[in-house]
N, C-alpha and C. Protein backbone atom coordinates (compact mmCIF):
# COMPACT_ATOMS: atom_id res chain seq x y z
N MET A 1 53.20 96.57 105.27
CA MET A 1 53.73 97.44 106.30
C MET A 1 54.21 98.73 105.65
N SER A 2 54.07 99.75 106.40
CA SER A 2 54.49 101.04 105.86
C SER A 2 56.00 101.21 106.02
N ALA A 3 56.54 102.18 105.33
CA ALA A 3 57.97 102.44 105.37
C ALA A 3 58.42 102.83 106.78
N MET A 4 57.55 103.54 107.49
CA MET A 4 57.90 103.98 108.84
C MET A 4 58.02 102.79 109.79
N VAL A 5 57.17 101.79 109.66
CA VAL A 5 57.23 100.61 110.50
C VAL A 5 58.51 99.82 110.20
N TRP A 6 58.84 99.68 108.93
CA TRP A 6 60.07 98.99 108.53
C TRP A 6 61.30 99.71 109.07
N ARG A 7 61.29 101.00 109.01
CA ARG A 7 62.43 101.78 109.50
C ARG A 7 62.60 101.57 111.00
N ALA A 8 61.52 101.62 111.76
CA ALA A 8 61.59 101.41 113.21
C ALA A 8 62.08 99.99 113.52
N PHE A 9 61.61 99.01 112.76
CA PHE A 9 62.02 97.62 112.93
C PHE A 9 63.53 97.47 112.64
N ALA A 10 64.00 98.07 111.56
CA ALA A 10 65.41 97.98 111.18
C ALA A 10 66.30 98.64 112.23
N ILE A 11 65.85 99.77 112.78
CA ILE A 11 66.64 100.46 113.81
C ILE A 11 66.73 99.60 115.06
N ARG A 12 65.63 98.96 115.45
CA ARG A 12 65.64 98.11 116.64
C ARG A 12 66.58 96.92 116.44
N ILE A 13 66.51 96.31 115.28
CA ILE A 13 67.40 95.17 115.00
C ILE A 13 68.85 95.62 115.04
N ALA A 14 69.17 96.75 114.45
CA ALA A 14 70.54 97.27 114.43
C ALA A 14 71.03 97.53 115.85
N LEU A 15 70.20 98.10 116.70
CA LEU A 15 70.59 98.37 118.08
C LEU A 15 70.84 97.07 118.86
N ILE A 16 69.99 96.10 118.66
CA ILE A 16 70.15 94.82 119.34
C ILE A 16 71.46 94.16 118.91
N LEU A 17 71.74 94.18 117.62
CA LEU A 17 72.99 93.60 117.12
C LEU A 17 74.20 94.32 117.68
N CYS A 18 74.14 95.64 117.74
CA CYS A 18 75.25 96.42 118.31
C CYS A 18 75.50 96.04 119.76
N LEU A 19 74.45 95.91 120.53
CA LEU A 19 74.59 95.55 121.94
C LEU A 19 75.16 94.14 122.10
N LEU A 20 74.72 93.22 121.27
CA LEU A 20 75.19 91.84 121.38
C LEU A 20 76.62 91.68 120.92
N LEU A 21 77.05 92.47 119.97
CA LEU A 21 78.36 92.29 119.38
C LEU A 21 79.44 93.23 119.90
N THR A 22 79.15 93.97 120.95
CA THR A 22 80.18 94.85 121.52
C THR A 22 81.23 93.98 122.21
N PRO A 23 82.46 94.44 122.27
CA PRO A 23 83.51 93.66 122.91
C PRO A 23 83.19 93.29 124.36
N GLY A 24 82.53 94.13 125.08
CA GLY A 24 82.18 93.84 126.46
C GLY A 24 81.23 92.67 126.59
N ALA A 25 80.36 92.50 125.63
CA ALA A 25 79.39 91.41 125.68
C ALA A 25 80.06 90.06 125.44
N LEU A 26 81.13 90.05 124.67
CA LEU A 26 81.81 88.80 124.34
C LEU A 26 83.09 88.61 125.15
N ALA A 27 83.37 89.51 126.07
CA ALA A 27 84.62 89.44 126.83
C ALA A 27 84.62 88.21 127.73
N LYS A 28 85.80 87.63 127.86
CA LYS A 28 85.92 86.48 128.73
C LYS A 28 86.22 86.94 130.15
N LYS A 29 85.88 86.10 131.09
CA LYS A 29 86.12 86.42 132.49
C LYS A 29 87.60 86.21 132.78
N PRO A 30 88.29 87.22 133.34
CA PRO A 30 89.72 87.06 133.62
C PRO A 30 89.95 86.01 134.71
N PRO A 31 91.17 85.46 134.75
CA PRO A 31 91.46 84.43 135.76
C PRO A 31 91.40 85.00 137.18
N ALA A 32 91.04 84.17 138.13
CA ALA A 32 90.92 84.59 139.53
C ALA A 32 92.28 84.92 140.13
N LYS A 33 93.32 84.20 139.71
CA LYS A 33 94.67 84.47 140.20
C LYS A 33 95.60 84.57 139.00
N PRO A 34 96.72 85.26 139.15
CA PRO A 34 97.63 85.42 138.01
C PRO A 34 98.10 84.09 137.44
N VAL A 35 98.28 84.07 136.13
CA VAL A 35 98.71 82.87 135.41
C VAL A 35 100.23 82.87 135.31
N ASN A 36 100.85 81.77 135.70
CA ASN A 36 102.31 81.64 135.63
C ASN A 36 102.70 81.31 134.19
N ILE A 37 103.39 82.22 133.53
CA ILE A 37 103.72 82.01 132.12
C ILE A 37 104.80 80.94 131.94
N ASN A 38 105.43 80.48 133.01
CA ASN A 38 106.42 79.41 132.91
C ASN A 38 105.81 78.02 133.02
N THR A 39 104.56 77.93 133.46
CA THR A 39 103.94 76.61 133.64
C THR A 39 102.58 76.49 132.97
N ALA A 40 102.01 77.59 132.52
CA ALA A 40 100.63 77.58 132.00
C ALA A 40 100.50 76.82 130.70
N THR A 41 99.34 76.21 130.52
CA THR A 41 98.98 75.58 129.25
C THR A 41 98.40 76.64 128.33
N SER A 42 98.17 76.27 127.10
CA SER A 42 97.55 77.20 126.14
C SER A 42 96.18 77.66 126.65
N GLU A 43 95.40 76.73 127.18
CA GLU A 43 94.06 77.06 127.68
C GLU A 43 94.13 78.04 128.85
N GLU A 44 95.10 77.84 129.74
CA GLU A 44 95.25 78.75 130.88
C GLU A 44 95.67 80.14 130.42
N LEU A 45 96.59 80.20 129.46
CA LEU A 45 97.03 81.49 128.94
C LEU A 45 95.87 82.23 128.27
N GLN A 46 94.99 81.51 127.60
CA GLN A 46 93.88 82.13 126.89
C GLN A 46 92.82 82.71 127.83
N GLN A 47 92.89 82.41 129.11
CA GLN A 47 91.98 83.02 130.07
C GLN A 47 92.34 84.48 130.32
N VAL A 48 93.57 84.86 129.99
CA VAL A 48 94.04 86.22 130.21
C VAL A 48 93.50 87.12 129.10
N PRO A 49 92.82 88.22 129.46
CA PRO A 49 92.34 89.14 128.43
C PRO A 49 93.51 89.63 127.58
N GLY A 50 93.35 89.52 126.27
CA GLY A 50 94.40 89.94 125.35
C GLY A 50 95.22 88.79 124.80
N ILE A 51 95.03 87.58 125.35
CA ILE A 51 95.75 86.41 124.84
C ILE A 51 94.74 85.47 124.20
N GLY A 52 94.90 85.31 122.90
CA GLY A 52 94.07 84.36 122.15
C GLY A 52 94.89 83.13 121.82
N PRO A 53 94.34 82.24 121.01
CA PRO A 53 95.06 81.01 120.68
C PRO A 53 96.42 81.25 120.02
N ALA A 54 96.51 82.20 119.12
CA ALA A 54 97.78 82.45 118.41
C ALA A 54 98.85 82.97 119.37
N THR A 55 98.50 83.92 120.22
CA THR A 55 99.47 84.47 121.17
C THR A 55 99.87 83.42 122.20
N ALA A 56 98.92 82.61 122.65
CA ALA A 56 99.24 81.54 123.61
C ALA A 56 100.26 80.58 123.00
N GLU A 57 100.07 80.22 121.74
CA GLU A 57 101.01 79.31 121.08
C GLU A 57 102.38 79.96 120.93
N LYS A 58 102.43 81.26 120.65
CA LYS A 58 103.72 81.96 120.54
C LYS A 58 104.43 81.95 121.89
N ILE A 59 103.69 82.13 122.98
CA ILE A 59 104.29 82.11 124.32
C ILE A 59 104.86 80.72 124.62
N LEU A 60 104.07 79.68 124.30
CA LEU A 60 104.55 78.32 124.55
C LEU A 60 105.77 78.00 123.71
N GLN A 61 105.77 78.44 122.46
CA GLN A 61 106.91 78.18 121.57
C GLN A 61 108.16 78.91 122.07
N MET A 62 107.99 80.13 122.52
CA MET A 62 109.13 80.90 123.04
C MET A 62 109.69 80.22 124.29
N ARG A 63 108.80 79.76 125.16
CA ARG A 63 109.23 79.07 126.38
C ARG A 63 109.98 77.78 126.05
N LYS A 64 109.48 77.06 125.04
CA LYS A 64 110.13 75.81 124.62
C LYS A 64 111.50 76.08 124.01
N SER A 65 111.60 77.12 123.21
CA SER A 65 112.84 77.42 122.49
C SER A 65 113.91 78.07 123.37
N TYR A 66 113.50 78.97 124.27
CA TYR A 66 114.47 79.76 125.02
C TYR A 66 114.51 79.46 126.51
N GLY A 67 113.63 78.62 126.99
CA GLY A 67 113.62 78.29 128.41
C GLY A 67 112.67 79.20 129.18
N ALA A 68 112.77 79.13 130.48
CA ALA A 68 111.86 79.85 131.38
C ALA A 68 111.99 81.36 131.22
N PHE A 69 110.85 82.02 131.39
CA PHE A 69 110.82 83.48 131.38
C PHE A 69 111.38 83.99 132.71
N LYS A 70 112.14 85.04 132.66
CA LYS A 70 112.67 85.64 133.89
C LYS A 70 111.78 86.78 134.37
N SER A 71 111.00 87.35 133.44
CA SER A 71 110.13 88.49 133.75
C SER A 71 108.96 88.48 132.78
N VAL A 72 107.86 89.06 133.21
CA VAL A 72 106.71 89.22 132.31
C VAL A 72 107.11 90.07 131.10
N ASP A 73 108.06 90.99 131.31
CA ASP A 73 108.53 91.85 130.22
C ASP A 73 109.18 91.06 129.08
N ASP A 74 109.61 89.83 129.34
CA ASP A 74 110.19 88.99 128.29
C ASP A 74 109.19 88.75 127.17
N LEU A 75 107.90 88.88 127.47
CA LEU A 75 106.87 88.67 126.45
C LEU A 75 106.93 89.73 125.35
N LEU A 76 107.60 90.85 125.60
CA LEU A 76 107.72 91.90 124.58
C LEU A 76 108.49 91.42 123.36
N ALA A 77 109.22 90.32 123.50
CA ALA A 77 109.96 89.76 122.36
C ALA A 77 109.03 89.07 121.37
N ILE A 78 107.79 88.85 121.75
CA ILE A 78 106.83 88.19 120.87
C ILE A 78 106.28 89.20 119.87
N ARG A 79 106.36 88.86 118.61
CA ARG A 79 105.88 89.72 117.55
C ARG A 79 104.37 89.96 117.71
N GLY A 80 103.98 91.21 117.68
CA GLY A 80 102.57 91.56 117.82
C GLY A 80 102.15 91.89 119.24
N LEU A 81 103.06 91.73 120.19
CA LEU A 81 102.73 92.04 121.58
C LEU A 81 103.59 93.23 122.00
N GLY A 82 102.96 94.39 122.07
CA GLY A 82 103.68 95.62 122.41
C GLY A 82 103.46 96.04 123.85
N PRO A 83 104.10 97.16 124.23
CA PRO A 83 104.02 97.63 125.62
C PRO A 83 102.60 97.93 126.09
N LYS A 84 101.77 98.54 125.26
CA LYS A 84 100.40 98.88 125.69
C LYS A 84 99.59 97.62 125.97
N ARG A 85 99.69 96.67 125.07
CA ARG A 85 98.94 95.42 125.24
C ARG A 85 99.44 94.67 126.47
N LEU A 86 100.75 94.64 126.66
CA LEU A 86 101.31 93.94 127.82
C LEU A 86 100.85 94.59 129.12
N GLU A 87 100.78 95.90 129.16
CA GLU A 87 100.34 96.58 130.39
C GLU A 87 98.91 96.19 130.76
N LYS A 88 98.05 95.97 129.77
CA LYS A 88 96.67 95.55 130.05
C LYS A 88 96.63 94.12 130.60
N MET A 89 97.60 93.31 130.20
CA MET A 89 97.62 91.91 130.61
C MET A 89 98.42 91.66 131.88
N ARG A 90 99.33 92.58 132.21
CA ARG A 90 100.32 92.37 133.27
C ARG A 90 99.72 91.90 134.60
N ARG A 91 98.59 92.47 134.99
CA ARG A 91 98.00 92.13 136.30
C ARG A 91 97.51 90.69 136.36
N TYR A 92 97.36 90.06 135.20
CA TYR A 92 96.88 88.67 135.16
C TYR A 92 98.02 87.67 134.96
N LEU A 93 99.27 88.16 134.90
CA LEU A 93 100.41 87.29 134.62
C LEU A 93 101.42 87.32 135.75
N THR A 94 102.10 86.22 135.93
CA THR A 94 103.19 86.14 136.89
C THR A 94 104.26 85.23 136.32
N VAL A 95 105.46 85.34 136.90
CA VAL A 95 106.56 84.49 136.50
C VAL A 95 107.01 83.73 137.73
N GLY A 96 106.78 82.45 137.73
CA GLY A 96 107.22 81.60 138.83
C GLY A 96 108.24 80.62 138.30
N LYS A 97 108.69 79.77 139.18
CA LYS A 97 109.65 78.76 138.76
C LYS A 97 108.96 77.80 137.80
N PRO A 98 109.69 77.38 136.78
CA PRO A 98 109.10 76.40 135.88
C PRO A 98 108.87 75.09 136.61
N ALA A 99 107.95 74.31 136.13
CA ALA A 99 107.67 73.03 136.75
C ALA A 99 108.91 72.16 136.67
N ALA A 100 109.33 71.66 137.80
CA ALA A 100 110.52 70.81 137.83
C ALA A 100 110.18 69.45 137.26
N ALA A 101 111.09 68.93 136.50
CA ALA A 101 110.88 67.59 135.96
C ALA A 101 110.94 66.60 137.12
N LYS A 102 110.01 65.67 137.12
CA LYS A 102 110.00 64.68 138.19
C LYS A 102 111.17 63.73 137.98
N PRO A 103 111.93 63.46 139.05
CA PRO A 103 113.05 62.54 138.89
C PRO A 103 112.57 61.13 138.59
N VAL A 104 113.30 60.47 137.75
CA VAL A 104 112.96 59.10 137.39
C VAL A 104 113.55 58.19 138.47
N PRO A 105 112.72 57.38 139.11
CA PRO A 105 113.26 56.51 140.16
C PRO A 105 114.18 55.45 139.55
N LEU A 106 115.24 55.17 140.28
CA LEU A 106 116.18 54.16 139.83
C LEU A 106 115.66 52.77 140.20
N PRO A 107 116.03 51.78 139.43
CA PRO A 107 115.61 50.43 139.81
C PRO A 107 116.20 50.07 141.17
N ALA A 108 115.60 49.11 141.85
CA ALA A 108 116.02 48.73 143.19
C ALA A 108 117.47 48.25 143.21
N LYS A 109 117.91 47.56 142.18
CA LYS A 109 119.28 47.03 142.15
C LYS A 109 120.08 47.72 141.06
N PHE A 110 120.15 49.02 141.11
CA PHE A 110 120.90 49.76 140.09
C PHE A 110 122.39 49.72 140.40
N THR A 111 123.18 49.34 139.42
CA THR A 111 124.63 49.41 139.56
C THR A 111 125.15 50.24 138.41
N PRO A 112 125.87 51.29 138.73
CA PRO A 112 126.37 52.14 137.65
C PRO A 112 127.37 51.36 136.80
N PRO A 113 127.49 51.72 135.53
CA PRO A 113 128.43 51.01 134.67
C PRO A 113 129.86 51.21 135.18
N ALA A 114 130.65 50.15 135.08
CA ALA A 114 132.04 50.22 135.53
C ALA A 114 132.84 51.07 134.57
N GLU A 115 133.78 51.80 135.13
CA GLU A 115 134.63 52.64 134.28
C GLU A 115 135.69 51.76 133.63
N LYS A 116 136.00 52.08 132.38
CA LYS A 116 137.07 51.36 131.70
C LYS A 116 138.41 51.89 132.18
N PRO A 117 139.35 51.00 132.37
CA PRO A 117 140.68 51.51 132.74
C PRO A 117 141.28 52.26 131.56
N PRO A 118 142.12 53.24 131.81
CA PRO A 118 142.70 53.99 130.71
C PRO A 118 143.53 53.09 129.81
N ASP A 119 143.48 53.38 128.53
CA ASP A 119 144.21 52.60 127.53
C ASP A 119 145.69 52.96 127.64
N LYS A 120 146.57 51.95 127.80
CA LYS A 120 148.02 52.19 127.98
C LYS A 120 148.76 51.87 126.69
N SER A 121 148.42 52.49 125.63
CA SER A 121 149.11 52.23 124.36
C SER A 121 150.22 53.19 124.13
């Protein structure tokens, strides 16, 4: 093959690779409805553009350590998540009530422990 044919071949391959590897080609589809950061799993958080596995784990850890988020802006406390990035994600996030713990049913014949009388010493 001549040098000109090789050059044309290399340019075509380079263009194809550029098209395949652009961020738009690998972008994930955003969630259909906003994700509640107080109840979402790691997988649900990762559906939000801009949240990968590491950021999802940081969100879950923050929620576990400090309790429910009061605002989406609370995410700014996460290292590596700044105002510009949060603004791109904001439309896909919401803050709802955290999932309530299901009450444990009492046994049918539950009797509370009797109180001890005060010690008269």
